[in-house]
Amino acid sequence: MLAELTVIELGDYVAVPMCGKLLAGLGAEVIKVEPPGRGDSARRHGPFPGDVPHAERSGLFLHLNVNKSAVTLDAATDEGRALLADLLAL
């Protein structure tokens, strides 16, 4: 339904990623942007397998980010802003 739409997701934690998840589920290409070093806040919230926290195994993060691509960039730097501008030009 939304196959010709590209969404650049700049939000964090739950609200914006949930909107991105819904759009991705409807066929949009969603590209998640995460800050370097820390990533999305949802990575630090469980549930985690075996109750062992791990940024790549957060059930919340995984649930909210299915069917998305992802990039890491620092929008506070000139290089990061240039990369973000390139993404927005897609």
C-alpha atoms as a PDB file:
ATOM      1  CA  MET A   1       0.000   0.000   0.000  1.00  0.00           C
ATOM      2  CA  LEU A   2       2.840   2.457   0.858  1.00  0.00           C
ATOM      3  CA  ALA A   3       5.576   0.776  -1.200  1.00  0.00           C
ATOM      4  CA  GLU A   4       6.648   4.029  -2.865  1.00  0.00           C
ATOM      5  CA  LEU A   5       7.104   5.886   0.443  1.00  0.00           C
ATOM      6  CA  THR A   6      10.471   6.238   2.196  1.00  0.00           C
ATOM      7  CA  VAL A   7      10.359   7.310   5.849  1.00  0.00           C
ATOM      8  CA  ILE A   8      13.384   8.605   7.737  1.00  0.00           C
ATOM      9  CA  GLU A   9      12.738   7.799  11.396  1.00  0.00           C
ATOM     10  CA  LEU A  10      14.494  10.201  13.783  1.00  0.00           C
ATOM     11  CA  GLY A  11      12.581   9.367  16.971  1.00  0.00           C
ATOM     12  CA  ASP A  12      13.582   7.499  20.082  1.00  0.00           C
ATOM     13  CA  TYR A  13      12.163   4.940  22.525  1.00  0.00           C
ATOM     14  CA  VAL A  14       8.513   3.983  21.767  1.00  0.00           C
ATOM     15  CA  ALA A  15       6.199   6.553  20.131  1.00  0.00           C
ATOM     16  CA  VAL A  16       8.067   7.357  16.913  1.00  0.00           C
ATOM     17  CA  PRO A  17       9.423   3.812  16.420  1.00  0.00           C
ATOM     18  CA  MET A  18       5.870   2.473  16.790  1.00  0.00           C
ATOM     19  CA  CYS A  19       4.658   4.836  14.056  1.00  0.00           C
ATOM     20  CA  GLY A  20       7.568   3.691  11.890  1.00  0.00           C
ATOM     21  CA  LYS A  21       6.662   0.061  12.587  1.00  0.00           C
ATOM     22  CA  LEU A  22       3.096   0.664  11.429  1.00  0.00           C
ATOM     23  CA  LEU A  23       4.272   2.416   8.255  1.00  0.00           C
ATOM     24  CA  ALA A  24       6.779  -0.373   7.545  1.00  0.00           C
ATOM     25  CA  GLY A  25       4.004  -2.918   8.034  1.00  0.00           C
ATOM     26  CA  LEU A  26       2.005  -1.096   5.383  1.00  0.00           C
ATOM     27  CA  GLY A  27       4.898  -1.379   2.946  1.00  0.00           C
ATOM     28  CA  ALA A  28       6.878   1.839   3.390  1.00  0.00           C
ATOM     29  CA  GLU A  29      10.661   1.708   3.411  1.00  0.00           C
ATOM     30  CA  VAL A  30      11.593   2.919   6.908  1.00  0.00           C
ATOM     31  CA  ILE A  31      15.161   3.944   7.684  1.00  0.00           C
ATOM     32  CA  LYS A  32      15.833   4.298  11.402  1.00  0.00           C
ATOM     33  CA  VAL A  33      18.507   6.818  12.418  1.00  0.00           C
ATOM     34  CA  GLU A  34      20.307   6.118  15.696  1.00  0.00           C
ATOM     35  CA  PRO A  35      22.968   8.189  17.438  1.00  0.00           C
ATOM     36  CA  PRO A  36      26.425   6.599  17.656  1.00  0.00           C
ATOM     37  CA  GLY A  37      27.540   4.980  20.874  1.00  0.00           C
ATOM     38  CA  ARG A  38      24.186   4.686  22.609  1.00  0.00           C
ATOM     39  CA  GLY A  39      21.565   3.951  19.964  1.00  0.00           C
ATOM     40  CA  ASP A  40      17.834   4.085  20.640  1.00  0.00           C
ATOM     41  CA  SER A  41      16.771   4.192  24.305  1.00  0.00           C
ATOM     42  CA  ALA A  42      14.581   1.125  23.763  1.00  0.00           C
ATOM     43  CA  ARG A  43      17.770  -0.963  23.474  1.00  0.00           C
ATOM     44  CA  ARG A  44      18.208  -0.563  27.235  1.00  0.00           C
ATOM     45  CA  HIS A  45      14.709  -1.780  28.161  1.00  0.00           C
ATOM     46  CA  GLY A  46      13.586  -5.392  28.362  1.00  0.00           C
ATOM     47  CA  PRO A  47      12.395  -7.939  28.234  1.00  0.00           C
ATOM     48  CA  PHE A  48      15.730  -9.617  27.573  1.00  0.00           C
ATOM     49  CA  PRO A  49      16.305 -13.348  27.017  1.00  0.00           C
ATOM     50  CA  GLY A  50      17.291 -14.871  30.344  1.00  0.00           C
ATOM     51  CA  ASP A  51      16.889 -11.424  31.931  1.00  0.00           C
ATOM     52  CA  VAL A  52      20.413 -10.564  30.728  1.00  0.00           C
ATOM     53  CA  PRO A  53      20.459  -6.991  29.337  1.00  0.00           C
ATOM     54  CA  HIS A  54      21.993  -6.702  25.885  1.00  0.00           C
ATOM     55  CA  ALA A  55      21.525  -3.851  23.378  1.00  0.00           C
ATOM     56  CA  GLU A  56      20.962  -6.266  20.487  1.00  0.00           C
ATOM     57  CA  ARG A  57      18.458  -8.486  22.337  1.00  0.00           C
ATOM     58  CA  SER A  58      15.912  -6.091  23.804  1.00  0.00           C
ATOM     59  CA  GLY A  59      12.477  -7.489  23.099  1.00  0.00           C
ATOM     60  CA  LEU A  60      11.038  -3.971  23.083  1.00  0.00           C
ATOM     61  CA  PHE A  61      13.605  -2.709  20.568  1.00  0.00           C
ATOM     62  CA  LEU A  62      13.255  -5.746  18.318  1.00  0.00           C
ATOM     63  CA  HIS A  63       9.456  -5.546  18.384  1.00  0.00           C
ATOM     64  CA  LEU A  64       9.430  -1.862  17.437  1.00  0.00           C
ATOM     65  CA  ASN A  65      11.986  -2.134  14.651  1.00  0.00           C
ATOM     66  CA  VAL A  66      10.992  -5.069  12.464  1.00  0.00           C
ATOM     67  CA  ASN A  67      11.000  -4.410   8.707  1.00  0.00           C
ATOM     68  CA  LYS A  68      13.290  -1.366   9.011  1.00  0.00           C
ATOM     69  CA  SER A  69      16.746  -0.482   7.777  1.00  0.00           C
ATOM     70  CA  ALA A  70      19.026   1.427  10.123  1.00  0.00           C
ATOM     71  CA  VAL A  71      21.918   3.856  10.046  1.00  0.00           C
ATOM     72  CA  THR A  72      24.003   5.464  12.739  1.00  0.00           C
ATOM     73  CA  LEU A  73      24.919   9.107  12.413  1.00  0.00           C
ATOM     74  CA  ASP A  74      25.683  12.060  14.670  1.00  0.00           C
ATOM     75  CA  ALA A  75      23.466  14.961  13.583  1.00  0.00           C
ATOM     76  CA  ALA A  76      25.520  17.262  15.834  1.00  0.00           C
ATOM     77  CA  THR A  77      28.454  17.057  13.416  1.00  0.00           C
ATOM     78  CA  ASP A  78      28.848  18.503   9.913  1.00  0.00           C
ATOM     79  CA  GLU A  79      29.424  15.024   8.494  1.00  0.00           C
ATOM     80  CA  GLY A  80      26.328  13.669  10.251  1.00  0.00           C
ATOM     81  CA  ARG A  81      24.168  16.531   9.018  1.00  0.00           C
ATOM     82  CA  ALA A  82      25.440  15.939   5.462  1.00  0.00           C
ATOM     83  CA  LEU A  83      24.567  12.236   5.713  1.00  0.00           C
ATOM     84  CA  LEU A  84      21.125  13.100   7.079  1.00  0.00           C
ATOM     85  CA  ALA A  85      20.581  15.551   4.195  1.00  0.00           C
ATOM     86  CA  ASP A  86      21.469  12.763   1.770  1.00  0.00           C
ATOM     87  CA  LEU A  87      18.910  10.487   3.415  1.00  0.00           C
ATOM     88  CA  LEU A  88      16.230  13.160   3.295  1.00  0.00           C
ATOM     89  CA  ALA A  89      16.905  13.630  -0.424  1.00  0.00           C
ATOM     90  CA  LEU A  90      15.912   9.994  -1.163  1.00  0.00           C
END
